[in-house]
């Protein structure tokens, strides 16, 4: 299949040469990709209820390829800082999620993310190869999301940092 080499090549080229994005950037197919606020009840990601909302959101996206089978390859870039809050205590942490990603999105809703830099990733109980939690993942890595939502994180070089611990 030609899709995977295209995506891998795009990550190497894009991460080495492109300039930072701003949400209002136009031309070259870039468009704003705002991040919504979110919340999880106690036990879903952390032992306590947790919520997050962007305090800086300059994320932009562009479609790199669209295939006849409905698969799309989309690139994301730009500054994103999310304030993560323990809903019970009000403790908060501003998490940098300004990584750069090329994402292959398939018609069955499965996805493969090829990422350099930090993103936020949440894992439910039994929902992935990482324990239940909310994390900042940084470095060079892939995140595969199956059609059922099961997440497989493969860190090539980097780290994970528990946001639940930061706001406990």
N, C-alpha and C. Protein backbone atom coordinates (compact mmCIF):
# COMPACT_ATOMS: atom_id res chain seq x y z
N UNK A 1 0.83 -1.18 0.00
CA UNK A 1 0.00 0.00 0.00
C UNK A 1 0.88 1.24 0.00
N UNK A 2 0.48 2.28 -0.67
CA UNK A 2 1.28 3.49 -0.76
C UNK A 2 1.03 4.47 0.39
N UNK A 3 -0.04 4.32 1.11
CA UNK A 3 -0.40 5.31 2.12
C UNK A 3 0.64 5.45 3.22
N UNK A 4 1.07 4.36 3.83
CA UNK A 4 1.99 4.46 4.96
C UNK A 4 3.30 5.14 4.58
N UNK A 5 3.97 4.78 3.46
CA UNK A 5 5.19 5.52 3.11
C UNK A 5 4.93 7.01 2.91
N UNK A 6 3.78 7.38 2.34
CA UNK A 6 3.47 8.79 2.16
C UNK A 6 3.42 9.49 3.49
N UNK A 7 2.74 8.88 4.47
CA UNK A 7 2.62 9.50 5.78
C UNK A 7 3.98 9.58 6.46
N UNK A 8 4.75 8.52 6.44
CA UNK A 8 6.07 8.55 7.08
C UNK A 8 6.97 9.59 6.43
N UNK A 9 6.93 9.68 5.12
CA UNK A 9 7.74 10.68 4.44
C UNK A 9 7.27 12.08 4.80
N UNK A 10 5.97 12.27 4.91
CA UNK A 10 5.44 13.59 5.24
C UNK A 10 5.90 14.03 6.62
N UNK A 11 5.95 13.11 7.59
CA UNK A 11 6.40 13.49 8.92
C UNK A 11 7.82 14.00 8.87
N UNK A 12 8.71 13.31 8.19
CA UNK A 12 10.11 13.73 8.12
C UNK A 12 10.29 15.07 7.44
N UNK A 13 9.58 15.29 6.37
CA UNK A 13 9.71 16.55 5.63
C UNK A 13 9.07 17.69 6.40
N UNK A 14 7.86 17.49 6.87
CA UNK A 14 7.13 18.55 7.54
C UNK A 14 7.83 18.98 8.81
N UNK A 15 8.25 18.04 9.62
CA UNK A 15 8.84 18.40 10.91
C UNK A 15 10.19 19.07 10.74
N UNK A 16 10.87 18.81 9.67
CA UNK A 16 12.18 19.40 9.49
C UNK A 16 12.14 20.78 8.84
N UNK A 17 11.08 21.10 8.10
CA UNK A 17 11.13 22.31 7.29
C UNK A 17 10.04 23.34 7.51
N UNK A 18 8.92 22.99 8.09
CA UNK A 18 7.80 23.93 8.12
C UNK A 18 7.92 24.92 9.27
N UNK A 19 7.35 26.11 9.06
CA UNK A 19 7.35 27.15 10.08
C UNK A 19 6.14 26.98 11.00
N UNK A 20 6.16 27.56 12.21
CA UNK A 20 5.02 27.46 13.11
C UNK A 20 3.76 28.04 12.48
N UNK A 21 2.62 27.47 12.88
CA UNK A 21 1.33 27.91 12.35
C UNK A 21 0.67 28.88 13.30
N UNK A 22 -0.25 29.65 12.76
CA UNK A 22 -1.15 30.42 13.60
C UNK A 22 -2.56 30.06 13.14
N UNK A 23 -3.51 30.24 14.04
CA UNK A 23 -4.88 29.82 13.73
C UNK A 23 -5.46 30.55 12.52
N UNK A 24 -5.02 31.74 12.24
CA UNK A 24 -5.57 32.49 11.13
C UNK A 24 -4.81 32.31 9.83
N UNK A 25 -3.88 31.39 9.80
CA UNK A 25 -3.06 31.19 8.61
C UNK A 25 -3.93 30.78 7.42
N UNK A 26 -3.65 31.35 6.28
CA UNK A 26 -4.39 30.99 5.07
C UNK A 26 -3.40 30.58 3.99
N UNK A 27 -3.91 30.03 2.91
CA UNK A 27 -3.05 29.56 1.83
C UNK A 27 -2.52 28.18 2.15
N UNK A 28 -2.07 27.48 1.15
CA UNK A 28 -1.51 26.13 1.30
C UNK A 28 -2.47 25.15 1.96
N UNK A 29 -3.76 25.48 2.01
CA UNK A 29 -4.76 24.56 2.57
C UNK A 29 -4.89 24.56 4.07
N UNK A 30 -4.16 25.39 4.79
CA UNK A 30 -4.27 25.42 6.25
C UNK A 30 -5.57 26.09 6.67
N UNK A 31 -6.21 25.52 7.71
CA UNK A 31 -7.42 26.10 8.29
C UNK A 31 -7.37 25.90 9.80
N UNK A 32 -8.02 26.78 10.56
CA UNK A 32 -8.04 26.61 12.01
C UNK A 32 -8.68 25.27 12.40
N UNK A 33 -8.15 24.67 13.46
CA UNK A 33 -8.69 23.41 13.99
C UNK A 33 -8.83 23.55 15.50
N UNK A 34 -9.84 24.31 15.96
CA UNK A 34 -9.98 24.57 17.39
C UNK A 34 -10.19 23.30 18.21
N UNK A 35 -9.65 23.31 19.42
CA UNK A 35 -9.78 22.18 20.33
C UNK A 35 -10.91 22.44 21.31
N UNK A 36 -11.86 21.53 21.46
CA UNK A 36 -12.99 21.76 22.38
C UNK A 36 -12.57 21.53 23.83
N UNK A 37 -13.30 22.13 24.75
CA UNK A 37 -13.16 21.82 26.17
C UNK A 37 -13.69 20.40 26.38
N UNK A 38 -13.26 19.74 27.45
CA UNK A 38 -13.71 18.38 27.73
C UNK A 38 -13.78 18.16 29.24
N UNK A 39 -14.46 17.11 29.64
CA UNK A 39 -14.50 16.71 31.05
C UNK A 39 -14.73 15.21 31.14
N UNK A 40 -14.21 14.60 32.22
CA UNK A 40 -14.38 13.18 32.48
C UNK A 40 -14.81 13.01 33.94
N UNK A 41 -15.74 12.11 34.20
CA UNK A 41 -16.12 11.86 35.59
C UNK A 41 -15.02 11.11 36.34
N UNK A 42 -15.11 11.11 37.66
CA UNK A 42 -14.15 10.37 38.49
C UNK A 42 -14.08 8.92 38.02
N UNK A 43 -12.86 8.42 37.87
CA UNK A 43 -12.64 7.03 37.48
C UNK A 43 -12.50 6.80 35.99
N UNK A 44 -12.92 7.75 35.16
CA UNK A 44 -12.82 7.56 33.71
C UNK A 44 -11.38 7.70 33.22
N UNK A 45 -10.67 8.71 33.70
CA UNK A 45 -9.25 8.91 33.35
C UNK A 45 -8.40 9.01 34.61
N UNK A 46 -8.85 9.81 35.57
CA UNK A 46 -8.18 9.98 36.86
C UNK A 46 -9.11 9.44 37.94
N UNK A 47 -8.61 9.31 39.18
CA UNK A 47 -9.45 8.86 40.28
C UNK A 47 -10.51 9.88 40.64
N UNK A 48 -10.37 11.10 40.17
CA UNK A 48 -11.26 12.22 40.45
C UNK A 48 -11.76 12.79 39.13
N UNK A 49 -12.82 13.57 39.18
CA UNK A 49 -13.33 14.23 37.98
C UNK A 49 -12.28 15.24 37.51
N UNK A 50 -12.11 15.32 36.20
CA UNK A 50 -11.10 16.19 35.62
C UNK A 50 -11.69 16.86 34.38
N UNK A 51 -11.26 18.09 34.15
CA UNK A 51 -11.72 18.81 32.96
C UNK A 51 -10.55 19.55 32.34
N UNK A 52 -10.71 19.90 31.08
CA UNK A 52 -9.65 20.63 30.39
C UNK A 52 -10.24 21.60 29.39
N UNK A 53 -9.53 22.71 29.22
CA UNK A 53 -9.94 23.68 28.21
C UNK A 53 -8.69 24.39 27.70
N UNK A 54 -8.68 24.71 26.41
CA UNK A 54 -7.50 25.39 25.86
C UNK A 54 -7.37 26.81 26.39
N UNK A 55 -6.15 27.19 26.75
CA UNK A 55 -5.86 28.59 27.12
C UNK A 55 -5.07 29.27 26.00
N UNK A 56 -4.40 28.47 25.18
CA UNK A 56 -3.77 28.92 23.93
C UNK A 56 -4.17 27.89 22.89
N UNK A 57 -4.73 28.34 21.78
CA UNK A 57 -5.14 27.40 20.74
C UNK A 57 -4.92 28.02 19.37
N UNK A 58 -3.78 27.71 18.80
CA UNK A 58 -3.43 28.19 17.46
C UNK A 58 -3.22 27.03 16.50
N UNK A 59 -3.94 25.94 16.74
CA UNK A 59 -3.79 24.74 15.93
C UNK A 59 -4.43 24.94 14.56
N UNK A 60 -3.72 24.52 13.55
CA UNK A 60 -4.23 24.55 12.17
C UNK A 60 -4.05 23.16 11.56
N UNK A 61 -4.86 22.87 10.55
CA UNK A 61 -4.76 21.57 9.87
C UNK A 61 -4.88 21.78 8.37
N UNK A 62 -4.39 20.80 7.64
CA UNK A 62 -4.58 20.75 6.20
C UNK A 62 -4.61 19.30 5.77
N UNK A 63 -5.39 19.04 4.73
CA UNK A 63 -5.48 17.69 4.20
C UNK A 63 -4.35 17.49 3.20
N UNK A 64 -3.54 16.46 3.45
CA UNK A 64 -2.42 16.14 2.56
C UNK A 64 -2.83 15.21 1.43
N UNK A 65 -3.79 14.31 1.73
CA UNK A 65 -4.24 13.34 0.72
C UNK A 65 -5.63 12.85 1.08
N UNK A 66 -6.38 12.52 0.05
CA UNK A 66 -7.70 11.89 0.22
C UNK A 66 -7.78 10.76 -0.80
N UNK A 67 -8.17 9.58 -0.35
CA UNK A 67 -8.18 8.41 -1.21
C UNK A 67 -9.61 7.97 -1.54
N UNK A 68 -9.74 7.22 -2.61
CA UNK A 68 -11.06 6.76 -3.07
C UNK A 68 -11.80 5.95 -2.02
N UNK A 69 -11.06 5.24 -1.16
CA UNK A 69 -11.72 4.42 -0.14
C UNK A 69 -12.23 5.24 1.05
N UNK A 70 -12.03 6.57 1.01
CA UNK A 70 -12.49 7.44 2.08
C UNK A 70 -11.42 7.79 3.10
N UNK A 71 -10.25 7.21 2.98
CA UNK A 71 -9.15 7.51 3.89
C UNK A 71 -8.61 8.90 3.60
N UNK A 72 -8.29 9.64 4.67
CA UNK A 72 -7.68 10.96 4.54
C UNK A 72 -6.38 10.99 5.33
N UNK A 73 -5.46 11.80 4.88
CA UNK A 73 -4.23 12.06 5.61
C UNK A 73 -4.22 13.56 5.91
N UNK A 74 -4.20 13.89 7.21
CA UNK A 74 -4.33 15.28 7.65
C UNK A 74 -3.13 15.63 8.52
N UNK A 75 -2.60 16.83 8.30
CA UNK A 75 -1.48 17.33 9.10
C UNK A 75 -2.00 18.37 10.08
N UNK A 76 -1.48 18.35 11.32
CA UNK A 76 -1.83 19.32 12.35
C UNK A 76 -0.55 19.97 12.87
N UNK A 77 -0.64 21.29 13.13
CA UNK A 77 0.49 22.00 13.73
C UNK A 77 -0.03 23.23 14.47
N UNK A 78 0.79 23.78 15.33
CA UNK A 78 0.43 25.01 16.03
C UNK A 78 0.47 24.87 17.54
N UNK A 79 0.52 26.01 18.20
CA UNK A 79 0.58 26.04 19.67
C UNK A 79 -0.76 25.65 20.28
N UNK A 80 -0.69 24.80 21.32
CA UNK A 80 -1.87 24.41 22.08
C UNK A 80 -1.44 24.19 23.53
N UNK A 81 -2.04 24.94 24.42
CA UNK A 81 -1.84 24.75 25.86
C UNK A 81 -3.22 24.51 26.45
N UNK A 82 -3.35 23.41 27.19
CA UNK A 82 -4.62 23.02 27.77
C UNK A 82 -4.51 23.10 29.30
N UNK A 83 -5.44 23.83 29.91
CA UNK A 83 -5.51 23.88 31.37
C UNK A 83 -6.30 22.67 31.85
N UNK A 84 -5.62 21.78 32.59
CA UNK A 84 -6.22 20.57 33.15
C UNK A 84 -6.55 20.87 34.60
N UNK A 85 -7.81 20.61 35.01
CA UNK A 85 -8.28 21.00 36.34
C UNK A 85 -8.89 19.80 37.05
N UNK A 86 -8.48 19.60 38.31
CA UNK A 86 -9.13 18.64 39.19
C UNK A 86 -10.45 19.30 39.60
N UNK A 87 -11.56 18.73 39.18
CA UNK A 87 -12.87 19.35 39.41
C UNK A 87 -13.22 19.46 40.89
N UNK A 88 -12.70 18.58 41.73
CA UNK A 88 -13.03 18.60 43.15
C UNK A 88 -12.23 19.66 43.92
N UNK A 89 -10.93 19.79 43.60
CA UNK A 89 -10.06 20.67 44.40
C UNK A 89 -9.74 21.99 43.70
N UNK A 90 -9.91 22.04 42.39
CA UNK A 90 -9.54 23.23 41.63
C UNK A 90 -8.08 23.28 41.26
N UNK A 91 -7.29 22.29 41.70
CA UNK A 91 -5.87 22.24 41.32
C UNK A 91 -5.77 22.17 39.80
N UNK A 92 -4.83 22.93 39.23
CA UNK A 92 -4.74 22.96 37.77
C UNK A 92 -3.29 22.90 37.31
N UNK A 93 -3.16 22.55 36.06
CA UNK A 93 -1.85 22.48 35.41
C UNK A 93 -2.04 22.84 33.95
N UNK A 94 -1.18 23.71 33.43
CA UNK A 94 -1.23 24.07 32.02
C UNK A 94 -0.30 23.15 31.24
N UNK A 95 -0.88 22.28 30.43
CA UNK A 95 -0.14 21.26 29.70
C UNK A 95 0.10 21.69 28.26
N UNK A 96 1.36 21.63 27.84
CA UNK A 96 1.73 21.93 26.46
C UNK A 96 1.36 20.74 25.59
N UNK A 97 0.54 20.98 24.58
CA UNK A 97 0.14 19.94 23.64
C UNK A 97 0.39 20.42 22.21
N UNK A 98 1.53 21.09 22.03
CA UNK A 98 1.85 21.75 20.75
C UNK A 98 2.62 20.86 19.79
N UNK A 99 2.40 19.56 19.86
CA UNK A 99 3.09 18.65 18.95
C UNK A 99 2.61 18.81 17.52
N UNK A 100 3.35 18.20 16.65
CA UNK A 100 3.04 18.22 15.22
C UNK A 100 2.68 16.80 14.79
N UNK A 101 1.59 16.64 14.07
CA UNK A 101 1.13 15.29 13.74
C UNK A 101 0.67 15.19 12.30
N UNK A 102 0.88 14.02 11.76
CA UNK A 102 0.26 13.61 10.50
C UNK A 102 -0.62 12.42 10.88
N UNK A 103 -1.91 12.52 10.55
CA UNK A 103 -2.89 11.53 10.99
C UNK A 103 -3.56 10.90 9.78
N UNK A 104 -3.54 9.57 9.74
CA UNK A 104 -4.27 8.83 8.71
C UNK A 104 -5.61 8.43 9.32
N UNK A 105 -6.70 8.94 8.75
CA UNK A 105 -8.04 8.69 9.25
C UNK A 105 -8.78 7.81 8.25
N UNK A 106 -9.17 6.62 8.69
CA UNK A 106 -9.81 5.66 7.80
C UNK A 106 -11.33 5.69 7.93
N UNK A 107 -12.05 5.20 6.93
CA UNK A 107 -13.51 5.24 6.94
C UNK A 107 -14.15 4.54 8.14
N UNK A 108 -13.49 3.54 8.72
CA UNK A 108 -14.05 2.84 9.89
C UNK A 108 -13.80 3.60 11.20
N UNK A 109 -13.26 4.83 11.08
CA UNK A 109 -12.94 5.72 12.19
C UNK A 109 -11.65 5.35 12.92
N UNK A 110 -10.95 4.33 12.45
CA UNK A 110 -9.63 4.05 13.02
C UNK A 110 -8.66 5.11 12.53
N UNK A 111 -7.60 5.32 13.30
CA UNK A 111 -6.63 6.36 12.98
C UNK A 111 -5.23 5.91 13.35
N UNK A 112 -4.25 6.44 12.64
CA UNK A 112 -2.86 6.30 13.04
C UNK A 112 -2.26 7.69 13.06
N UNK A 113 -1.71 8.06 14.21
CA UNK A 113 -1.07 9.35 14.42
C UNK A 113 0.44 9.15 14.40
N UNK A 114 1.14 9.94 13.58
CA UNK A 114 2.60 9.99 13.56
C UNK A 114 2.96 11.36 14.13
N UNK A 115 3.57 11.38 15.32
CA UNK A 115 3.70 12.63 16.06
C UNK A 115 5.14 12.90 16.45
N UNK A 116 5.49 14.20 16.42
CA UNK A 116 6.72 14.70 17.01
C UNK A 116 6.31 15.84 17.94
N UNK A 117 6.70 15.76 19.19
CA UNK A 117 6.36 16.79 20.16
C UNK A 117 5.20 16.37 21.03
N UNK A 118 4.78 17.26 21.95
CA UNK A 118 3.78 16.87 22.94
C UNK A 118 2.34 16.93 22.46
N UNK A 119 1.55 15.96 22.91
CA UNK A 119 0.09 15.98 22.79
C UNK A 119 -0.48 15.47 24.11
N UNK A 120 -1.77 15.68 24.32
CA UNK A 120 -2.47 15.08 25.45
C UNK A 120 -3.15 13.82 24.95
N UNK A 121 -3.07 12.76 25.74
CA UNK A 121 -3.72 11.50 25.38
C UNK A 121 -4.38 10.92 26.62
N UNK A 122 -5.63 10.55 26.49
CA UNK A 122 -6.36 9.93 27.59
C UNK A 122 -6.61 8.46 27.29
N UNK A 123 -6.52 7.65 28.32
CA UNK A 123 -6.75 6.22 28.19
C UNK A 123 -7.74 5.78 29.26
N UNK A 124 -8.81 5.14 28.83
CA UNK A 124 -9.78 4.57 29.76
C UNK A 124 -9.29 3.23 30.27
N UNK A 125 -9.92 2.71 31.31
CA UNK A 125 -9.58 1.40 31.85
C UNK A 125 -9.73 0.34 30.76
N UNK A 126 -8.66 -0.39 30.46
CA UNK A 126 -8.69 -1.42 29.43
C UNK A 126 -8.81 -0.87 28.02
N UNK A 127 -8.63 0.42 27.85
CA UNK A 127 -8.81 1.06 26.55
C UNK A 127 -7.53 1.26 25.76
N UNK A 128 -6.44 0.65 26.20
CA UNK A 128 -5.20 0.82 25.48
C UNK A 128 -4.05 0.09 26.15
N UNK A 129 -2.87 0.26 25.57
CA UNK A 129 -1.69 -0.40 26.11
C UNK A 129 -1.00 0.45 27.19
N UNK A 130 -1.63 1.54 27.59
CA UNK A 130 -1.14 2.41 28.66
C UNK A 130 -2.20 2.37 29.76
N UNK A 131 -1.79 2.39 31.05
CA UNK A 131 -2.78 2.37 32.12
C UNK A 131 -3.76 3.54 32.04
N UNK A 132 -4.96 3.33 32.61
CA UNK A 132 -5.96 4.39 32.68
C UNK A 132 -5.28 5.67 33.16
N UNK A 133 -5.59 6.77 32.48
CA UNK A 133 -5.01 8.05 32.89
C UNK A 133 -5.10 9.08 31.79
N UNK A 134 -4.56 10.23 32.11
CA UNK A 134 -4.47 11.35 31.20
C UNK A 134 -3.00 11.75 31.18
N UNK A 135 -2.42 11.83 29.98
CA UNK A 135 -0.97 11.99 29.86
C UNK A 135 -0.60 13.10 28.87
N UNK A 136 0.56 13.69 29.12
CA UNK A 136 1.26 14.42 28.08
C UNK A 136 2.26 13.42 27.52
N UNK A 137 2.21 13.19 26.22
CA UNK A 137 3.16 12.31 25.55
C UNK A 137 4.05 13.22 24.72
N UNK A 138 5.36 13.08 24.86
CA UNK A 138 6.29 13.95 24.16
C UNK A 138 7.38 13.12 23.51
N UNK A 139 7.90 13.59 22.39
CA UNK A 139 8.96 12.90 21.69
C UNK A 139 8.55 12.57 20.27
N UNK A 140 8.98 11.40 19.81
CA UNK A 140 8.60 10.88 18.50
C UNK A 140 7.90 9.56 18.73
N UNK A 141 6.66 9.46 18.26
CA UNK A 141 5.87 8.28 18.59
C UNK A 141 4.70 8.13 17.62
N UNK A 142 4.06 6.97 17.71
CA UNK A 142 2.83 6.74 16.96
C UNK A 142 1.73 6.41 17.96
N UNK A 143 0.51 6.75 17.58
CA UNK A 143 -0.67 6.41 18.36
C UNK A 143 -1.68 5.82 17.39
N UNK A 144 -1.94 4.52 17.56
CA UNK A 144 -2.93 3.84 16.73
C UNK A 144 -4.22 3.76 17.53
N UNK A 145 -5.32 4.17 16.90
CA UNK A 145 -6.64 4.09 17.51
C UNK A 145 -7.47 3.16 16.63
N UNK A 146 -7.91 2.05 17.21
CA UNK A 146 -8.69 1.09 16.43
C UNK A 146 -10.10 1.62 16.20
N UNK A 147 -10.85 0.93 15.36
CA UNK A 147 -12.23 1.32 15.09
C UNK A 147 -13.09 1.23 16.35
N UNK A 148 -12.67 0.43 17.32
CA UNK A 148 -13.40 0.31 18.59
C UNK A 148 -12.93 1.32 19.63
N UNK A 149 -11.86 2.08 19.32
CA UNK A 149 -11.35 3.08 20.24
C UNK A 149 -10.15 2.63 21.06
N UNK A 150 -9.72 1.38 20.92
CA UNK A 150 -8.54 0.89 21.66
C UNK A 150 -7.30 1.63 21.14
N UNK A 151 -6.49 2.17 22.05
CA UNK A 151 -5.33 2.98 21.68
C UNK A 151 -4.03 2.22 21.96
N UNK A 152 -3.14 2.23 20.97
CA UNK A 152 -1.82 1.64 21.14
C UNK A 152 -0.78 2.73 20.93
N UNK A 153 -0.08 3.07 22.01
CA UNK A 153 0.97 4.08 21.97
C UNK A 153 2.31 3.39 21.82
N UNK A 154 3.08 3.80 20.80
CA UNK A 154 4.42 3.28 20.59
C UNK A 154 5.38 4.47 20.59
N UNK A 155 6.14 4.60 21.67
CA UNK A 155 7.08 5.71 21.81
C UNK A 155 8.42 5.27 21.23
N UNK A 156 8.84 5.95 20.15
CA UNK A 156 10.12 5.65 19.54
C UNK A 156 11.25 6.26 20.36
N UNK A 157 11.04 7.50 20.75
CA UNK A 157 11.96 8.21 21.65
C UNK A 157 11.14 9.29 22.33
N UNK A 158 11.06 9.25 23.65
CA UNK A 158 10.29 10.26 24.34
C UNK A 158 9.82 9.80 25.70
N UNK A 159 8.73 10.42 26.17
CA UNK A 159 8.27 10.15 27.52
C UNK A 159 6.77 10.38 27.63
N UNK A 160 6.20 9.85 28.71
CA UNK A 160 4.82 10.14 29.08
C UNK A 160 4.85 10.74 30.48
N UNK A 161 3.96 11.69 30.72
CA UNK A 161 3.90 12.37 32.01
C UNK A 161 2.44 12.39 32.45
N UNK A 162 2.16 11.88 33.65
CA UNK A 162 0.78 11.78 34.13
C UNK A 162 0.24 13.13 34.56
N UNK A 163 -0.83 13.56 33.88
CA UNK A 163 -1.49 14.81 34.27
C UNK A 163 -2.38 14.59 35.49
N UNK A 164 -2.86 13.37 35.70
CA UNK A 164 -3.62 13.07 36.92
C UNK A 164 -2.76 13.34 38.15
N UNK A 165 -1.49 12.93 38.09
CA UNK A 165 -0.58 13.16 39.21
C UNK A 165 -0.34 14.66 39.43
N UNK A 166 -0.28 15.42 38.35
CA UNK A 166 0.00 16.86 38.45
C UNK A 166 -1.12 17.65 39.10
N UNK A 167 -2.36 17.16 39.00
CA UNK A 167 -3.49 17.91 39.56
C UNK A 167 -4.15 17.18 40.73
N UNK A 168 -3.54 16.10 41.18
CA UNK A 168 -4.12 15.31 42.31
C UNK A 168 -4.15 16.13 43.58
